[in-house]
Amino acid sequence: MLEAEMDEHLGYEKNSVAGNNSGNSRNGYGKKTIISDYGECEIAVPRDRNGDFEPKVIEKRQTRTDEIEQKIMQIPYAG
């Protein structure tokens, strides 16, 4: 999900030639610890070179999964 958000943010998919000389690109991952009913889980959050990527599913400074679960349940199912 986070990768899809990054694709949307940058306007192109990972490894696409459309990203060449685009002015912004992927810049690795940051670590984030999420706390759930089952304990702590560390996830990798993608970063961009300009530093302006802000995920919607797992927002900055968000640490609890109950908020994430509510957001996921609101996403329309495309099946």
PDB file of N, CA and C in Angstrom:
ATOM      1  N   MET A   1       0.815  -1.196   0.000  1.00  0.00           N
ATOM      2  CA  MET A   1       0.000   0.000   0.000  1.00  0.00           C
ATOM      3  C   MET A   1       0.858   1.260   0.000  1.00  0.00           C
ATOM      4  N   LEU A   2       1.914   1.250   0.795  1.00  0.00           N
ATOM      5  CA  LEU A   2       2.767   2.431   0.852  1.00  0.00           C
ATOM      6  C   LEU A   2       3.481   2.664  -0.474  1.00  0.00           C
ATOM      7  N   GLU A   3       3.859   1.588  -1.147  1.00  0.00           N
ATOM      8  CA  GLU A   3       4.496   1.728  -2.460  1.00  0.00           C
ATOM      9  C   GLU A   3       3.520   2.336  -3.468  1.00  0.00           C
ATOM     10  N   ALA A   4       2.260   1.928  -3.402  1.00  0.00           N
ATOM     11  CA  ALA A   4       1.245   2.490  -4.301  1.00  0.00           C
ATOM     12  C   ALA A   4       1.048   3.975  -4.015  1.00  0.00           C
ATOM     13  N   GLU A   5       1.089   4.354  -2.753  1.00  0.00           N
ATOM     14  CA  GLU A   5       0.980   5.772  -2.405  1.00  0.00           C
ATOM     15  C   GLU A   5       2.166   6.552  -2.958  1.00  0.00           C
ATOM     16  N   MET A   6       3.355   5.957  -2.892  1.00  0.00           N
ATOM     17  CA  MET A   6       4.542   6.624  -3.433  1.00  0.00           C
ATOM     18  C   MET A   6       4.426   6.762  -4.947  1.00  0.00           C
ATOM     19  N   ASP A   7       3.937   5.724  -5.636  1.00  0.00           N
ATOM     20  CA  ASP A   7       3.714   5.808  -7.083  1.00  0.00           C
ATOM     21  C   ASP A   7       2.793   6.981  -7.407  1.00  0.00           C
ATOM     22  N   GLU A   8       1.718   7.099  -6.654  1.00  0.00           N
ATOM     23  CA  GLU A   8       0.750   8.179  -6.868  1.00  0.00           C
ATOM     24  C   GLU A   8       1.393   9.536  -6.603  1.00  0.00           C
ATOM     25  N   HIS A   9       2.165   9.625  -5.554  1.00  0.00           N
ATOM     26  CA  HIS A   9       2.825  10.882  -5.178  1.00  0.00           C
ATOM     27  C   HIS A   9       3.804  11.346  -6.260  1.00  0.00           C
ATOM     28  N   LEU A  10       4.622  10.404  -6.759  1.00  0.00           N
ATOM     29  CA  LEU A  10       5.635  10.757  -7.749  1.00  0.00           C
ATOM     30  C   LEU A  10       5.081  10.846  -9.166  1.00  0.00           C
ATOM     31  N   GLY A  11       3.982  10.127  -9.423  1.00  0.00           N
ATOM     32  CA  GLY A  11       3.397  10.152 -10.756  1.00  0.00           C
ATOM     33  C   GLY A  11       3.946   9.095 -11.691  1.00  0.00           C
ATOM     34  N   TYR A  12       4.714   8.159 -11.164  1.00  0.00           N
ATOM     35  CA  TYR A  12       5.231   7.060 -11.975  1.00  0.00           C
ATOM     36  C   TYR A  12       5.546   5.872 -11.069  1.00  0.00           C
ATOM     37  N   GLU A  13       5.577   4.672 -11.667  1.00  0.00           N
ATOM     38  CA  GLU A  13       5.850   3.455 -10.907  1.00  0.00           C
ATOM     39  C   GLU A  13       7.347   3.262 -10.707  1.00  0.00           C
ATOM     40  N   LYS A  14       7.685   2.456  -9.727  1.00  0.00           N
ATOM     41  CA  LYS A  14       9.080   2.164  -9.422  1.00  0.00           C
ATOM     42  C   LYS A  14       9.777   1.578 -10.649  1.00  0.00           C
ATOM     43  N   ASN A  15      10.998   2.006 -10.905  1.00  0.00           N
ATOM     44  CA  ASN A  15      11.844   1.568 -12.021  1.00  0.00           C
ATOM     45  C   ASN A  15      11.335   2.004 -13.389  1.00  0.00           C
ATOM     46  N   SER A  16      10.392   2.917 -13.435  1.00  0.00           N
ATOM     47  CA  SER A  16       9.879   3.415 -14.706  1.00  0.00           C
ATOM     48  C   SER A  16      10.817   4.493 -15.257  1.00  0.00           C
ATOM     49  N   VAL A  17      11.005   4.503 -16.571  1.00  0.00           N
ATOM     50  CA  VAL A  17      11.838   5.538 -17.186  1.00  0.00           C
ATOM     51  C   VAL A  17      11.188   6.912 -17.067  1.00  0.00           C
ATOM     52  N   ALA A  18       9.909   6.961 -16.771  1.00  0.00           N
ATOM     53  CA  ALA A  18       9.222   8.240 -16.592  1.00  0.00           C
ATOM     54  C   ALA A  18       9.806   9.021 -15.420  1.00  0.00           C
ATOM     55  N   GLY A  19      10.484   8.330 -14.511  1.00  0.00           N
ATOM     56  CA  GLY A  19      11.068   8.988 -13.352  1.00  0.00           C
ATOM     57  C   GLY A  19      12.416   9.637 -13.610  1.00  0.00           C
ATOM     58  N   ASN A  20      13.034   9.332 -14.749  1.00  0.00           N
ATOM     59  CA  ASN A  20      14.334   9.920 -15.073  1.00  0.00           C
ATOM     60  C   ASN A  20      14.210  11.431 -15.209  1.00  0.00           C
ATOM     61  N   ASN A  21      15.063  12.152 -14.493  1.00  0.00           N
ATOM     62  CA  ASN A  21      15.082  13.622 -14.528  1.00  0.00           C
ATOM     63  C   ASN A  21      13.728  14.235 -14.187  1.00  0.00           C
ATOM     64  N   SER A  22      13.004  13.604 -13.277  1.00  0.00           N
ATOM     65  CA  SER A  22      11.671  14.099 -12.918  1.00  0.00           C
ATOM     66  C   SER A  22      11.718  15.188 -11.850  1.00  0.00           C
ATOM     67  N   GLY A  23      12.857  15.364 -11.204  1.00  0.00           N
ATOM     68  CA  GLY A  23      12.958  16.361 -10.153  1.00  0.00           C
ATOM     69  C   GLY A  23      12.726  15.787  -8.766  1.00  0.00           C
ATOM     70  N   ASN A  24      12.152  14.611  -8.693  1.00  0.00           N
ATOM     71  CA  ASN A  24      11.953  13.931  -7.416  1.00  0.00           C
ATOM     72  C   ASN A  24      11.960  12.434  -7.688  1.00  0.00           C
ATOM     73  N   SER A  25      12.526  11.683  -6.778  1.00  0.00           N
ATOM     74  CA  SER A  25      12.597  10.237  -6.967  1.00  0.00           C
ATOM     75  C   SER A  25      12.602   9.533  -5.618  1.00  0.00           C
ATOM     76  N   ARG A  26      12.498   8.232  -5.662  1.00  0.00           N
ATOM     77  CA  ARG A  26      12.535   7.434  -4.438  1.00  0.00           C
ATOM     78  C   ARG A  26      13.914   7.559  -3.794  1.00  0.00           C
ATOM     79  N   ASN A  27      13.934   7.486  -2.465  1.00  0.00           N
ATOM     80  CA  ASN A  27      15.190   7.631  -1.742  1.00  0.00           C
ATOM     81  C   ASN A  27      15.240   6.657  -0.570  1.00  0.00           C
ATOM     82  N   GLY A  28      15.030   5.391  -0.854  1.00  0.00           N
ATOM     83  CA  GLY A  28      15.125   4.374   0.182  1.00  0.00           C
ATOM     84  C   GLY A  28      13.909   4.320   1.088  1.00  0.00           C
ATOM     85  N   TYR A  29      14.151   3.858   2.305  1.00  0.00           N
ATOM     86  CA  TYR A  29      13.070   3.641   3.263  1.00  0.00           C
ATOM     87  C   TYR A  29      13.482   4.129   4.637  1.00  0.00           C
ATOM     88  N   GLY A  30      12.492   4.547   5.401  1.00  0.00           N
ATOM     89  CA  GLY A  30      12.683   4.846   6.809  1.00  0.00           C
ATOM     90  C   GLY A  30      11.990   3.769   7.618  1.00  0.00           C
ATOM     91  N   LYS A  31      12.409   3.587   8.861  1.00  0.00           N
ATOM     92  CA  LYS A  31      11.792   2.581   9.724  1.00  0.00           C
ATOM     93  C   LYS A  31      10.747   3.244  10.608  1.00  0.00           C
ATOM     94  N   LYS A  32       9.672   2.513  10.846  1.00  0.00           N
ATOM     95  CA  LYS A  32       8.609   3.002  11.714  1.00  0.00           C
ATOM     96  C   LYS A  32       8.094   1.828  12.529  1.00  0.00           C
ATOM     97  N   THR A  33       7.883   2.057  13.821  1.00  0.00           N
ATOM     98  CA  THR A  33       7.353   1.018  14.697  1.00  0.00           C
ATOM     99  C   THR A  33       5.876   1.269  14.935  1.00  0.00           C
ATOM    100  N   ILE A  34       5.065   0.269  14.631  1.00  0.00           N
ATOM    101  CA  ILE A  34       3.615   0.333  14.811  1.00  0.00           C
ATOM    102  C   ILE A  34       3.245  -0.585  15.974  1.00  0.00           C
ATOM    103  N   ILE A  35       2.353  -0.111  16.833  1.00  0.00           N
ATOM    104  CA  ILE A  35       1.903  -0.901  17.977  1.00  0.00           C
ATOM    105  C   ILE A  35       0.498  -1.417  17.699  1.00  0.00           C
ATOM    106  N   SER A  36       0.333  -2.742  17.798  1.00  0.00           N
ATOM    107  CA  SER A  36      -0.978  -3.357  17.579  1.00  0.00           C
ATOM    108  C   SER A  36      -1.370  -4.159  18.810  1.00  0.00           C
ATOM    109  N   ASP A  37      -2.527  -4.790  18.743  1.00  0.00           N
ATOM    110  CA  ASP A  37      -2.970  -5.660  19.831  1.00  0.00           C
ATOM    111  C   ASP A  37      -2.039  -6.861  19.995  1.00  0.00           C
ATOM    112  N   TYR A  38      -1.260  -7.161  18.973  1.00  0.00           N
ATOM    113  CA  TYR A  38      -0.376  -8.325  18.984  1.00  0.00           C
ATOM    114  C   TYR A  38       1.067  -7.968  19.325  1.00  0.00           C
ATOM    115  N   GLY A  39       1.342  -6.703  19.575  1.00  0.00           N
ATOM    116  CA  GLY A  39       2.690  -6.261  19.909  1.00  0.00           C
ATOM    117  C   GLY A  39       3.199  -5.239  18.907  1.00  0.00           C
ATOM    118  N   GLU A  40       4.502  -5.019  18.935  1.00  0.00           N
ATOM    119  CA  GLU A  40       5.122  -4.037  18.053  1.00  0.00           C
ATOM    120  C   GLU A  40       5.535  -4.675  16.732  1.00  0.00           C
ATOM    121  N   CYS A  41       5.464  -3.888  15.683  1.00  0.00           N
ATOM    122  CA  CYS A  41       5.849  -4.341  14.349  1.00  0.00           C
ATOM    123  C   CYS A  41       6.614  -3.207  13.675  1.00  0.00           C
ATOM    124  N   GLU A  42       7.776  -3.511  13.137  1.00  0.00           N
ATOM    125  CA  GLU A  42       8.550  -2.503  12.433  1.00  0.00           C
ATOM    126  C   GLU A  42       8.266  -2.600  10.937  1.00  0.00           C
ATOM    127  N   ILE A  43       7.960  -1.469  10.329  1.00  0.00           N
ATOM    128  CA  ILE A  43       7.675  -1.439   8.894  1.00  0.00           C
ATOM    129  C   ILE A  43       8.642  -0.481   8.200  1.00  0.00           C
ATOM    130  N   ALA A  44       8.783  -0.659   6.899  1.00  0.00           N
ATOM    131  CA  ALA A  44       9.619   0.216   6.081  1.00  0.00           C
ATOM    132  C   ALA A  44       8.715   1.191   5.339  1.00  0.00           C
ATOM    133  N   VAL A  45       8.955   2.477   5.545  1.00  0.00           N
ATOM    134  CA  VAL A  45       8.160   3.518   4.901  1.00  0.00           C
ATOM    135  C   VAL A  45       9.012   4.158   3.808  1.00  0.00           C
ATOM    136  N   PRO A  46       8.532   4.159   2.554  1.00  0.00           N
ATOM    137  CA  PRO A  46       9.320   4.747   1.472  1.00  0.00           C
ATOM    138  C   PRO A  46       9.531   6.250   1.672  1.00  0.00           C
ATOM    139  N   ARG A  47      10.684   6.732   1.176  1.00  0.00           N
ATOM    140  CA  ARG A  47      11.001   8.164   1.235  1.00  0.00           C
ATOM    141  C   ARG A  47      11.248   8.671  -0.183  1.00  0.00           C
ATOM    142  N   ASP A  48      11.069   9.971  -0.355  1.00  0.00           N
ATOM    143  CA  ASP A  48      11.427  10.601  -1.624  1.00  0.00           C
ATOM    144  C   ASP A  48      12.547  11.611  -1.379  1.00  0.00           C
ATOM    145  N   ARG A  49      13.257  11.962  -2.436  1.00  0.00           N
ATOM    146  CA  ARG A  49      14.412  12.854  -2.305  1.00  0.00           C
ATOM    147  C   ARG A  49      14.039  14.234  -1.777  1.00  0.00           C
ATOM    148  N   ASN A  50      12.896  14.744  -2.170  1.00  0.00           N
ATOM    149  CA  ASN A  50      12.492  16.076  -1.726  1.00  0.00           C
ATOM    150  C   ASN A  50      11.958  16.081  -0.298  1.00  0.00           C
ATOM    151  N   GLY A  51      11.657  14.910   0.239  1.00  0.00           N
ATOM    152  CA  GLY A  51      11.181  14.811   1.613  1.00  0.00           C
ATOM    153  C   GLY A  51       9.756  15.263   1.827  1.00  0.00           C
ATOM    154  N   ASP A  52       8.966  15.313   0.758  1.00  0.00           N
ATOM    155  CA  ASP A  52       7.588  15.782   0.926  1.00  0.00           C
ATOM    156  C   ASP A  52       6.538  14.682   0.790  1.00  0.00           C
ATOM    157  N   PHE A  53       6.968  13.414   0.760  1.00  0.00           N
ATOM    158  CA  PHE A  53       6.011  12.310   0.724  1.00  0.00           C
ATOM    159  C   PHE A  53       5.423  12.106   2.111  1.00  0.00           C
ATOM    160  N   GLU A  54       4.096  12.177   2.206  1.00  0.00           N
ATOM    161  CA  GLU A  54       3.388  11.950   3.461  1.00  0.00           C
ATOM    162  C   GLU A  54       2.323  10.888   3.229  1.00  0.00           C
ATOM    163  N   PRO A  55       2.575   9.655   3.682  1.00  0.00           N
ATOM    164  CA  PRO A  55       1.609   8.570   3.479  1.00  0.00           C
ATOM    165  C   PRO A  55       0.270   8.875   4.133  1.00  0.00           C
ATOM    166  N   LYS A  56      -0.791   8.394   3.522  1.00  0.00           N
ATOM    167  CA  LYS A  56      -2.143   8.588   4.063  1.00  0.00           C
ATOM    168  C   LYS A  56      -2.574   7.406   4.931  1.00  0.00           C
ATOM    169  N   VAL A  57      -2.149   6.198   4.569  1.00  0.00           N
ATOM    170  CA  VAL A  57      -2.553   5.012   5.331  1.00  0.00           C
ATOM    171  C   VAL A  57      -1.891   5.021   6.705  1.00  0.00           C
ATOM    172  N   ILE A  58      -0.610   5.282   6.740  1.00  0.00           N
ATOM    173  CA  ILE A  58       0.130   5.382   8.000  1.00  0.00           C
ATOM    174  C   ILE A  58       0.763   6.764   8.022  1.00  0.00           C
ATOM    175  N   GLU A  59       0.119   7.682   8.701  1.00  0.00           N
ATOM    176  CA  GLU A  59       0.585   9.062   8.706  1.00  0.00           C
ATOM    177  C   GLU A  59       1.815   9.229   9.591  1.00  0.00           C
ATOM    178  N   LYS A  60       2.506  10.341   9.391  1.00  0.00           N
ATOM    179  CA  LYS A  60       3.661  10.646  10.227  1.00  0.00           C
ATOM    180  C   LYS A  60       3.213  10.746  11.682  1.00  0.00           C
ATOM    181  N   ARG A  61       4.032  10.246  12.566  1.00  0.00           N
ATOM    182  CA  ARG A  61       3.794  10.233  14.014  1.00  0.00           C
ATOM    183  C   ARG A  61       2.640   9.338  14.442  1.00  0.00           C
ATOM    184  N   GLN A  62       2.082   8.559  13.544  1.00  0.00           N
ATOM    185  CA  GLN A  62       1.031   7.597  13.898  1.00  0.00           C
ATOM    186  C   GLN A  62       1.695   6.294  14.323  1.00  0.00           C
ATOM    187  N   THR A  63       1.278   5.753  15.458  1.00  0.00           N
ATOM    188  CA  THR A  63       1.927   4.551  15.974  1.00  0.00           C
ATOM    189  C   THR A  63       0.968   3.412  16.283  1.00  0.00           C
ATOM    190  N   ARG A  64      -0.323   3.660  16.311  1.00  0.00           N
ATOM    191  CA  ARG A  64      -1.288   2.622  16.685  1.00  0.00           C
ATOM    192  C   ARG A  64      -2.023   2.102  15.459  1.00  0.00           C
ATOM    193  N   THR A  65      -2.287   0.787  15.428  1.00  0.00           N
ATOM    194  CA  THR A  65      -2.926   0.180  14.262  1.00  0.00           C
ATOM    195  C   THR A  65      -4.426   0.389  14.209  1.00  0.00           C
ATOM    196  N   ASP A  66      -5.066   0.709  15.323  1.00  0.00           N
ATOM    197  CA  ASP A  66      -6.520   0.866  15.279  1.00  0.00           C
ATOM    198  C   ASP A  66      -6.929   1.964  14.308  1.00  0.00           C
ATOM    199  N   GLU A  67      -6.144   3.032  14.208  1.00  0.00           N
ATOM    200  CA  GLU A  67      -6.418   4.098  13.248  1.00  0.00           C
ATOM    201  C   GLU A  67      -6.208   3.597  11.815  1.00  0.00           C
ATOM    202  N   ILE A  68      -5.181   2.783  11.619  1.00  0.00           N
ATOM    203  CA  ILE A  68      -4.872   2.242  10.298  1.00  0.00           C
ATOM    204  C   ILE A  68      -5.979   1.300   9.841  1.00  0.00           C
ATOM    205  N   GLU A  69      -6.438   0.446  10.742  1.00  0.00           N
ATOM    206  CA  GLU A  69      -7.494  -0.508  10.406  1.00  0.00           C
ATOM    207  C   GLU A  69      -8.764   0.210   9.975  1.00  0.00           C
ATOM    208  N   GLN A  70      -9.101   1.310  10.622  1.00  0.00           N
ATOM    209  CA  GLN A  70     -10.288   2.081  10.239  1.00  0.00           C
ATOM    210  C   GLN A  70     -10.136   2.632   8.823  1.00  0.00           C
ATOM    211  N   LYS A  71      -8.951   3.129   8.488  1.00  0.00           N
ATOM    212  CA  LYS A  71      -8.716   3.669   7.148  1.00  0.00           C
ATOM    213  C   LYS A  71      -8.809   2.575   6.088  1.00  0.00           C
ATOM    214  N   ILE A  72      -8.240   1.414   6.380  1.00  0.00           N
ATOM    215  CA  ILE A  72      -8.261   0.308   5.419  1.00  0.00           C
ATOM    216  C   ILE A  72      -9.690  -0.143   5.155  1.00  0.00           C
ATOM    217  N   MET A  73     -10.516  -0.176   6.188  1.00  0.00           N
ATOM    218  CA  MET A  73     -11.911  -0.596   6.028  1.00  0.00           C
ATOM    219  C   MET A  73     -12.703   0.383   5.161  1.00  0.00           C
ATOM    220  N   GLN A  74     -12.236   1.634   5.039  1.00  0.00           N
ATOM    221  CA  GLN A  74     -12.934   2.639   4.245  1.00  0.00           C
ATOM    222  C   GLN A  74     -12.540   2.598   2.771  1.00  0.00           C
ATOM    223  N   ILE A  75     -11.493   1.863   2.431  1.00  0.00           N
ATOM    224  CA  ILE A  75     -11.045   1.771   1.040  1.00  0.00           C
ATOM    225  C   ILE A  75     -12.018   0.886   0.271  1.00  0.00           C
ATOM    226  N   PRO A  76     -12.539   1.378  -0.853  1.00  0.00           N
ATOM    227  CA  PRO A  76     -13.461   0.547  -1.639  1.00  0.00           C
ATOM    228  C   PRO A  76     -12.745  -0.680  -2.190  1.00  0.00           C
ATOM    229  N   TYR A  77     -13.419  -1.804  -2.148  1.00  0.00           N
ATOM    230  CA  TYR A  77     -12.858  -3.052  -2.657  1.00  0.00           C
ATOM    231  C   TYR A  77     -13.076  -3.117  -4.159  1.00  0.00           C
ATOM    232  N   ALA A  78     -11.984  -3.266  -4.905  1.00  0.00           N
ATOM    233  CA  ALA A  78     -12.072  -3.365  -6.367  1.00  0.00           C
ATOM    234  C   ALA A  78     -11.840  -4.815  -6.763  1.00  0.00           C
ATOM    235  N   GLY A  79     -12.869  -5.623  -6.719  1.00  0.00           N
ATOM    236  CA  GLY A  79     -12.684  -7.044  -6.991  1.00  0.00           C
ATOM    237  C   GLY A  79     -13.415  -7.471  -8.134  1.00  0.00           C
TER     238      GLY A  79
END
